[in-house]
């Protein structure tokens, strides 16, 4: 009887550990983006910490840690910093990862180039079609970009 209880406790403990680890992985991989026109990224979880850099609307991040109302985030370059949670939302966004990315009028290389952007320009995702993503910049410009050019 004692042996059965011990095995039961081990199974329950293993299940709890599995759930805990899965929840941690899900939280760590949450992708959010900036919803304000400009946001400060800090070296700690509070306004008393130094501003490291600023980003514009639609800048995407992966959440890697949460501390009360502050999120530690990682950007497409692997840099980490802290941002206040109300500055982030679940808007689907991408950011250009190459220099001189062509944004086209249609989801095809034959589409006219409507915009050429440098590395690090964020966009809101409007739709997807195959390997192409229809995007909108915070200033309202819309076009299509090839998925290998963004993160």
N, C-alpha and C. Protein backbone atom coordinates (compact mmCIF):
# COMPACT_ATOMS: atom_id res chain seq x y z
N UNK A 1 0.82 -1.20 0.00
CA UNK A 1 0.00 0.00 0.00
C UNK A 1 0.86 1.26 0.00
N UNK A 2 1.90 1.30 0.85
CA UNK A 2 2.79 2.45 0.93
C UNK A 2 3.48 2.68 -0.41
N UNK A 3 3.87 1.61 -1.08
CA UNK A 3 4.55 1.70 -2.37
C UNK A 3 3.63 2.35 -3.42
N UNK A 4 2.39 2.02 -3.40
CA UNK A 4 1.44 2.58 -4.35
C UNK A 4 1.27 4.08 -4.11
N UNK A 5 1.21 4.50 -2.87
CA UNK A 5 1.07 5.92 -2.57
C UNK A 5 2.31 6.67 -3.02
N UNK A 6 3.47 6.09 -2.81
CA UNK A 6 4.72 6.73 -3.22
C UNK A 6 4.75 6.92 -4.73
N UNK A 7 4.34 5.90 -5.49
CA UNK A 7 4.29 6.00 -6.95
C UNK A 7 3.28 7.06 -7.38
N UNK A 8 2.16 7.10 -6.71
CA UNK A 8 1.13 8.09 -7.01
C UNK A 8 1.68 9.51 -6.80
N UNK A 9 2.38 9.71 -5.70
CA UNK A 9 2.99 11.03 -5.42
C UNK A 9 4.01 11.38 -6.49
N UNK A 10 4.80 10.42 -6.93
CA UNK A 10 5.79 10.68 -7.98
C UNK A 10 5.12 11.05 -9.29
N UNK A 11 4.05 10.36 -9.65
CA UNK A 11 3.33 10.67 -10.90
C UNK A 11 2.73 12.07 -10.83
N UNK A 12 2.09 12.39 -9.71
CA UNK A 12 1.50 13.72 -9.55
C UNK A 12 2.59 14.80 -9.59
N UNK A 13 3.70 14.56 -8.93
CA UNK A 13 4.81 15.52 -8.94
C UNK A 13 5.34 15.72 -10.35
N UNK A 14 5.50 14.64 -11.10
CA UNK A 14 5.98 14.74 -12.47
C UNK A 14 5.01 15.53 -13.34
N UNK A 15 3.73 15.31 -13.16
CA UNK A 15 2.72 16.06 -13.91
C UNK A 15 2.77 17.55 -13.60
N UNK A 16 2.90 17.89 -12.33
CA UNK A 16 2.99 19.29 -11.93
C UNK A 16 4.24 19.94 -12.53
N UNK A 17 5.36 19.24 -12.50
CA UNK A 17 6.59 19.76 -13.06
C UNK A 17 6.43 20.00 -14.56
N UNK A 18 5.80 19.06 -15.25
CA UNK A 18 5.58 19.20 -16.69
C UNK A 18 4.72 20.42 -17.00
N UNK A 19 3.63 20.59 -16.28
CA UNK A 19 2.75 21.74 -16.48
C UNK A 19 3.49 23.04 -16.19
N UNK A 20 4.24 23.08 -15.13
CA UNK A 20 5.01 24.27 -14.76
C UNK A 20 6.01 24.63 -15.86
N UNK A 21 6.74 23.64 -16.36
CA UNK A 21 7.72 23.89 -17.42
C UNK A 21 7.06 24.35 -18.71
N UNK A 22 5.94 23.74 -19.06
CA UNK A 22 5.22 24.15 -20.28
C UNK A 22 4.72 25.59 -20.16
N UNK A 23 4.21 25.95 -19.00
CA UNK A 23 3.73 27.32 -18.79
C UNK A 23 4.88 28.30 -18.90
N UNK A 24 6.02 27.95 -18.38
CA UNK A 24 7.20 28.82 -18.47
C UNK A 24 7.67 29.00 -19.90
N UNK A 25 7.65 27.91 -20.68
CA UNK A 25 8.05 27.99 -22.08
C UNK A 25 7.05 28.85 -22.85
N UNK A 26 5.77 28.69 -22.60
CA UNK A 26 4.75 29.49 -23.29
C UNK A 26 4.91 30.96 -22.97
N UNK A 27 5.14 31.31 -21.71
CA UNK A 27 5.31 32.71 -21.34
C UNK A 27 6.58 33.27 -21.95
N UNK A 28 7.62 32.46 -21.98
CA UNK A 28 8.90 32.93 -22.50
C UNK A 28 8.85 33.15 -24.00
N UNK A 29 7.98 32.46 -24.71
CA UNK A 29 7.94 32.59 -26.16
C UNK A 29 6.81 33.51 -26.63
N UNK A 30 6.16 34.19 -25.72
CA UNK A 30 5.08 35.11 -26.11
C UNK A 30 5.66 36.25 -26.93
N UNK A 31 5.05 36.51 -28.07
CA UNK A 31 5.51 37.59 -28.95
C UNK A 31 4.50 38.73 -28.87
N UNK A 32 4.99 39.90 -28.49
CA UNK A 32 4.16 41.09 -28.39
C UNK A 32 4.82 42.22 -29.17
N UNK A 33 4.07 43.29 -29.40
CA UNK A 33 4.63 44.43 -30.13
C UNK A 33 4.20 45.74 -29.48
N UNK A 34 4.96 46.78 -29.76
CA UNK A 34 4.71 48.10 -29.21
C UNK A 34 3.43 48.67 -29.81
N UNK A 35 2.56 49.21 -28.94
CA UNK A 35 1.30 49.79 -29.42
C UNK A 35 1.28 51.31 -29.30
N UNK A 36 2.26 51.89 -28.64
CA UNK A 36 2.34 53.36 -28.55
C UNK A 36 3.24 53.88 -29.66
N UNK A 37 3.19 55.18 -29.93
CA UNK A 37 4.00 55.73 -31.02
C UNK A 37 5.50 55.59 -30.75
N UNK A 38 5.90 55.71 -29.49
CA UNK A 38 7.30 55.54 -29.08
C UNK A 38 7.31 54.87 -27.71
N UNK A 39 8.29 53.99 -27.48
CA UNK A 39 8.40 53.31 -26.19
C UNK A 39 9.86 53.28 -25.75
N UNK A 40 10.06 53.47 -24.44
CA UNK A 40 11.40 53.41 -23.86
C UNK A 40 11.72 51.98 -23.44
N UNK A 41 12.93 51.53 -23.72
CA UNK A 41 13.43 50.25 -23.27
C UNK A 41 14.50 50.54 -22.22
N UNK A 42 14.38 49.90 -21.05
CA UNK A 42 15.22 50.22 -19.90
C UNK A 42 16.08 49.04 -19.47
N UNK A 43 17.10 49.34 -18.66
CA UNK A 43 17.99 48.29 -18.18
C UNK A 43 17.51 47.66 -16.88
N UNK A 44 16.30 47.94 -16.47
CA UNK A 44 15.70 47.34 -15.28
C UNK A 44 14.19 47.52 -15.31
N UNK A 45 13.53 46.90 -14.34
CA UNK A 45 12.06 46.87 -14.31
C UNK A 45 11.48 48.03 -13.50
N UNK A 46 11.65 49.25 -14.00
CA UNK A 46 11.08 50.42 -13.34
C UNK A 46 11.56 51.70 -14.00
N UNK A 47 10.85 52.80 -13.75
CA UNK A 47 11.21 54.08 -14.37
C UNK A 47 12.49 54.68 -13.79
N UNK A 48 12.95 54.16 -12.68
CA UNK A 48 14.21 54.68 -12.10
C UNK A 48 15.43 54.15 -12.86
N UNK A 49 15.21 53.14 -13.73
CA UNK A 49 16.31 52.58 -14.50
C UNK A 49 16.56 53.39 -15.77
N UNK A 50 17.79 53.33 -16.24
CA UNK A 50 18.24 54.07 -17.41
C UNK A 50 17.52 53.61 -18.68
N UNK A 51 17.15 54.56 -19.54
CA UNK A 51 16.60 54.26 -20.87
C UNK A 51 17.76 53.87 -21.77
N UNK A 52 17.71 52.65 -22.30
CA UNK A 52 18.77 52.16 -23.17
C UNK A 52 18.56 52.58 -24.62
N UNK A 53 17.31 52.49 -25.07
CA UNK A 53 16.95 52.93 -26.42
C UNK A 53 15.45 53.08 -26.51
N UNK A 54 15.00 53.65 -27.62
CA UNK A 54 13.57 53.83 -27.88
C UNK A 54 13.21 53.11 -29.18
N UNK A 55 11.97 52.68 -29.26
CA UNK A 55 11.47 52.03 -30.47
C UNK A 55 10.14 52.65 -30.85
N UNK A 56 9.76 52.43 -32.10
CA UNK A 56 8.50 52.98 -32.59
C UNK A 56 7.40 51.92 -32.61
N UNK A 57 6.22 52.39 -32.92
CA UNK A 57 5.03 51.53 -32.99
C UNK A 57 5.27 50.32 -33.89
N UNK A 58 4.73 49.19 -33.49
CA UNK A 58 4.77 47.90 -34.17
C UNK A 58 6.08 47.12 -33.97
N UNK A 59 7.02 47.65 -33.20
CA UNK A 59 8.29 46.94 -32.98
C UNK A 59 7.99 45.63 -32.23
N UNK A 60 8.37 44.47 -32.80
CA UNK A 60 8.06 43.18 -32.15
C UNK A 60 9.13 42.77 -31.14
N UNK A 61 8.68 42.04 -30.11
CA UNK A 61 9.58 41.51 -29.09
C UNK A 61 9.11 40.13 -28.66
N UNK A 62 10.04 39.33 -28.14
CA UNK A 62 9.72 38.10 -27.44
C UNK A 62 9.82 38.39 -25.95
N UNK A 63 8.81 38.02 -25.19
CA UNK A 63 8.83 38.20 -23.74
C UNK A 63 9.65 37.06 -23.14
N UNK A 64 10.67 37.42 -22.35
CA UNK A 64 11.52 36.39 -21.75
C UNK A 64 11.40 36.35 -20.23
N UNK A 65 10.79 37.39 -19.64
CA UNK A 65 10.62 37.43 -18.19
C UNK A 65 9.55 38.46 -17.84
N UNK A 66 8.88 38.24 -16.74
CA UNK A 66 7.88 39.20 -16.26
C UNK A 66 8.15 39.48 -14.79
N UNK A 67 8.09 40.76 -14.42
CA UNK A 67 8.28 41.17 -13.04
C UNK A 67 7.25 42.25 -12.74
N UNK A 68 6.17 41.86 -12.09
CA UNK A 68 5.03 42.74 -11.81
C UNK A 68 4.51 43.32 -13.11
N UNK A 69 4.55 44.63 -13.30
CA UNK A 69 4.01 45.26 -14.51
C UNK A 69 5.06 45.52 -15.58
N UNK A 70 6.21 44.90 -15.46
CA UNK A 70 7.31 45.10 -16.40
C UNK A 70 7.65 43.78 -17.09
N UNK A 71 7.96 43.87 -18.39
CA UNK A 71 8.34 42.69 -19.17
C UNK A 71 9.77 42.85 -19.64
N UNK A 72 10.57 41.81 -19.43
CA UNK A 72 11.89 41.76 -20.04
C UNK A 72 11.69 41.15 -21.42
N UNK A 73 12.21 41.82 -22.43
CA UNK A 73 11.96 41.40 -23.81
C UNK A 73 13.27 41.26 -24.58
N UNK A 74 13.18 40.48 -25.67
CA UNK A 74 14.32 40.31 -26.57
C UNK A 74 13.87 40.73 -27.96
N UNK A 75 14.73 41.49 -28.65
CA UNK A 75 14.38 41.92 -30.01
C UNK A 75 15.02 41.03 -31.07
N UNK A 76 14.83 41.39 -32.32
CA UNK A 76 15.30 40.57 -33.44
C UNK A 76 16.82 40.46 -33.51
N UNK A 77 17.52 41.36 -32.84
CA UNK A 77 18.98 41.32 -32.81
C UNK A 77 19.52 40.56 -31.60
N UNK A 78 18.61 40.12 -30.72
CA UNK A 78 19.02 39.40 -29.52
C UNK A 78 19.27 40.29 -28.32
N UNK A 79 19.06 41.60 -28.47
CA UNK A 79 19.23 42.54 -27.36
C UNK A 79 18.05 42.40 -26.40
N UNK A 80 18.33 42.56 -25.10
CA UNK A 80 17.27 42.47 -24.09
C UNK A 80 17.17 43.76 -23.31
N UNK A 81 15.96 44.06 -22.85
CA UNK A 81 15.69 45.25 -22.04
C UNK A 81 14.32 45.07 -21.40
N UNK A 82 13.93 46.06 -20.59
CA UNK A 82 12.64 46.02 -19.89
C UNK A 82 11.72 47.10 -20.44
N UNK A 83 10.43 46.76 -20.51
CA UNK A 83 9.41 47.69 -21.01
C UNK A 83 8.15 47.52 -20.17
N UNK A 84 7.44 48.64 -19.96
CA UNK A 84 6.20 48.59 -19.18
C UNK A 84 5.12 47.88 -19.98
N UNK A 85 4.36 46.99 -19.32
CA UNK A 85 3.44 46.10 -20.02
C UNK A 85 2.35 46.80 -20.83
N UNK A 86 1.90 47.98 -20.41
CA UNK A 86 0.81 48.64 -21.14
C UNK A 86 1.28 49.22 -22.48
N UNK A 87 2.58 49.21 -22.73
CA UNK A 87 3.11 49.68 -24.01
C UNK A 87 3.12 48.58 -25.07
N UNK A 88 2.75 47.36 -24.66
CA UNK A 88 2.77 46.21 -25.55
C UNK A 88 1.38 45.65 -25.80
N UNK A 89 1.19 45.09 -26.98
CA UNK A 89 -0.08 44.45 -27.32
C UNK A 89 0.16 43.23 -28.19
N UNK A 90 -0.92 42.55 -28.55
CA UNK A 90 -0.82 41.31 -29.31
C UNK A 90 -0.95 41.51 -30.81
N UNK A 91 -0.76 42.70 -31.30
CA UNK A 91 -0.82 42.97 -32.74
C UNK A 91 0.25 42.15 -33.45
N UNK A 92 -0.13 41.48 -34.54
CA UNK A 92 0.81 40.70 -35.34
C UNK A 92 1.71 41.67 -36.10
N UNK A 93 3.01 41.62 -35.84
CA UNK A 93 3.95 42.53 -36.48
C UNK A 93 5.21 41.80 -36.93
N UNK A 94 5.96 42.46 -37.80
CA UNK A 94 7.26 41.97 -38.26
C UNK A 94 8.21 43.16 -38.32
N UNK A 95 9.51 42.85 -38.44
CA UNK A 95 10.51 43.91 -38.56
C UNK A 95 11.53 43.49 -39.62
N UNK A 96 11.94 44.43 -40.46
CA UNK A 96 12.89 44.11 -41.53
C UNK A 96 14.25 43.74 -40.93
N UNK A 97 14.86 42.71 -41.48
CA UNK A 97 16.13 42.22 -40.95
C UNK A 97 17.29 42.42 -41.92
N UNK A 98 17.01 42.92 -43.09
CA UNK A 98 18.04 43.15 -44.12
C UNK A 98 18.03 44.62 -44.52
N UNK A 99 19.12 45.07 -45.11
CA UNK A 99 19.18 46.43 -45.65
C UNK A 99 18.54 46.46 -47.04
N UNK A 100 17.92 47.57 -47.37
CA UNK A 100 17.31 47.79 -48.68
C UNK A 100 16.30 46.71 -49.06
N UNK A 101 15.33 46.49 -48.18
CA UNK A 101 14.24 45.54 -48.45
C UNK A 101 13.20 46.20 -49.35
N UNK A 102 12.80 45.48 -50.37
CA UNK A 102 11.77 45.99 -51.27
C UNK A 102 10.39 45.63 -50.75
N UNK A 103 9.54 46.63 -50.66
CA UNK A 103 8.13 46.43 -50.34
C UNK A 103 7.39 46.66 -51.65
N UNK A 104 6.60 45.68 -52.07
CA UNK A 104 6.02 45.69 -53.41
C UNK A 104 4.51 45.92 -53.40
N UNK A 105 3.98 46.24 -54.57
CA UNK A 105 2.55 46.54 -54.73
C UNK A 105 1.68 45.30 -54.72
N UNK A 106 2.28 44.13 -54.98
CA UNK A 106 1.53 42.87 -54.96
C UNK A 106 2.46 41.76 -54.48
N UNK A 107 1.91 40.62 -54.06
CA UNK A 107 2.72 39.54 -53.51
C UNK A 107 3.45 38.73 -54.59
N UNK A 108 4.36 39.42 -55.27
CA UNK A 108 5.08 38.80 -56.37
C UNK A 108 6.28 39.69 -56.69
N UNK A 109 7.37 39.08 -57.15
CA UNK A 109 8.57 39.88 -57.49
C UNK A 109 8.33 40.80 -58.68
N UNK A 110 7.27 40.57 -59.42
CA UNK A 110 6.95 41.45 -60.55
C UNK A 110 6.20 42.72 -60.10
N UNK A 111 5.77 42.75 -58.84
CA UNK A 111 5.06 43.92 -58.33
C UNK A 111 5.98 45.14 -58.26
N UNK A 112 5.42 46.29 -58.50
CA UNK A 112 6.20 47.53 -58.41
C UNK A 112 6.74 47.71 -56.99
N UNK A 113 7.93 48.27 -56.89
CA UNK A 113 8.50 48.59 -55.57
C UNK A 113 7.84 49.89 -55.10
N UNK A 114 7.08 49.80 -54.01
CA UNK A 114 6.39 50.98 -53.49
C UNK A 114 7.18 51.64 -52.36
N UNK A 115 8.14 50.89 -51.82
CA UNK A 115 8.92 51.38 -50.69
C UNK A 115 10.17 50.53 -50.57
N UNK A 116 11.28 51.17 -50.22
CA UNK A 116 12.52 50.43 -49.93
C UNK A 116 12.91 50.80 -48.51
N UNK A 117 13.07 49.80 -47.66
CA UNK A 117 13.33 50.08 -46.24
C UNK A 117 14.66 49.48 -45.80
N UNK A 118 15.23 50.10 -44.79
CA UNK A 118 16.46 49.63 -44.18
C UNK A 118 16.16 48.60 -43.11
N UNK A 119 17.17 48.01 -42.56
CA UNK A 119 17.06 47.04 -41.48
C UNK A 119 16.47 47.71 -40.24
N UNK A 120 15.54 47.00 -39.58
CA UNK A 120 15.00 47.50 -38.32
C UNK A 120 13.74 48.33 -38.42
N UNK A 121 13.02 48.23 -39.53
CA UNK A 121 11.77 48.98 -39.69
C UNK A 121 10.60 48.05 -39.36
N UNK A 122 9.78 48.42 -38.36
CA UNK A 122 8.66 47.55 -37.96
C UNK A 122 7.39 47.83 -38.77
N UNK A 123 6.58 46.77 -38.93
CA UNK A 123 5.33 46.85 -39.67
C UNK A 123 4.26 46.01 -38.98
N UNK A 124 3.02 46.42 -39.16
CA UNK A 124 1.88 45.61 -38.74
C UNK A 124 1.55 44.65 -39.88
N UNK A 125 1.24 43.41 -39.55
CA UNK A 125 0.86 42.42 -40.55
C UNK A 125 -0.63 42.54 -40.83
N UNK A 126 -0.98 42.71 -42.10
CA UNK A 126 -2.38 42.80 -42.51
C UNK A 126 -2.90 41.44 -42.98
N UNK A 127 -2.06 40.72 -43.72
CA UNK A 127 -2.43 39.38 -44.18
C UNK A 127 -1.18 38.66 -44.68
N UNK A 128 -1.38 37.39 -45.02
CA UNK A 128 -0.28 36.57 -45.54
C UNK A 128 -0.79 35.81 -46.75
N UNK A 129 0.09 35.65 -47.73
CA UNK A 129 -0.26 34.90 -48.93
C UNK A 129 1.00 34.13 -49.37
N UNK A 130 1.03 32.84 -49.07
CA UNK A 130 2.22 32.05 -49.38
C UNK A 130 3.42 32.58 -48.61
N UNK A 131 4.48 32.89 -49.34
CA UNK A 131 5.71 33.41 -48.72
C UNK A 131 5.73 34.94 -48.62
N UNK A 132 4.60 35.57 -48.88
CA UNK A 132 4.52 37.03 -48.86
C UNK A 132 3.65 37.51 -47.70
N UNK A 133 3.99 38.68 -47.18
CA UNK A 133 3.26 39.26 -46.05
C UNK A 133 2.82 40.67 -46.44
N UNK A 134 1.53 40.93 -46.32
CA UNK A 134 1.01 42.29 -46.57
C UNK A 134 1.21 43.07 -45.28
N UNK A 135 1.90 44.20 -45.38
CA UNK A 135 2.30 44.96 -44.20
C UNK A 135 1.85 46.41 -44.28
N UNK A 136 1.78 47.03 -43.10
CA UNK A 136 1.47 48.46 -43.00
C UNK A 136 2.44 49.09 -42.02
N UNK A 137 3.05 50.19 -42.44
CA UNK A 137 3.93 50.96 -41.56
C UNK A 137 3.07 51.87 -40.69
N UNK A 138 3.61 52.33 -39.59
CA UNK A 138 2.87 53.22 -38.68
C UNK A 138 2.41 54.50 -39.36
N UNK A 139 3.10 54.92 -40.44
CA UNK A 139 2.69 56.14 -41.16
C UNK A 139 1.62 55.87 -42.21
N UNK A 140 1.18 54.59 -42.32
CA UNK A 140 0.08 54.26 -43.22
C UNK A 140 0.49 53.61 -44.53
N UNK A 141 1.76 53.57 -44.85
CA UNK A 141 2.19 52.96 -46.11
C UNK A 141 1.95 51.45 -46.05
N UNK A 142 1.42 50.92 -47.18
CA UNK A 142 1.04 49.51 -47.26
C UNK A 142 1.73 48.86 -48.46
N UNK A 143 2.12 47.60 -48.31
CA UNK A 143 2.71 46.85 -49.40
C UNK A 143 2.96 45.41 -48.99
N UNK A 144 3.65 44.70 -49.86
CA UNK A 144 3.96 43.28 -49.63
C UNK A 144 5.46 43.10 -49.51
N UNK A 145 5.88 42.25 -48.56
CA UNK A 145 7.30 41.96 -48.34
C UNK A 145 7.48 40.45 -48.28
N UNK A 146 8.61 39.99 -48.78
CA UNK A 146 8.90 38.56 -48.76
C UNK A 146 9.29 38.15 -47.35
N UNK A 147 8.79 37.00 -46.89
CA UNK A 147 8.91 36.60 -45.48
C UNK A 147 10.35 36.42 -45.01
N UNK A 148 11.29 36.10 -45.89
CA UNK A 148 12.68 35.90 -45.46
C UNK A 148 13.38 37.23 -45.14
N UNK A 149 12.72 38.34 -45.42
CA UNK A 149 13.31 39.67 -45.16
C UNK A 149 12.89 40.24 -43.81
N UNK A 150 12.06 39.49 -43.07
CA UNK A 150 11.54 40.00 -41.78
C UNK A 150 11.66 38.96 -40.69
N UNK A 151 11.55 39.45 -39.44
CA UNK A 151 11.52 38.60 -38.23
C UNK A 151 10.20 38.79 -37.55
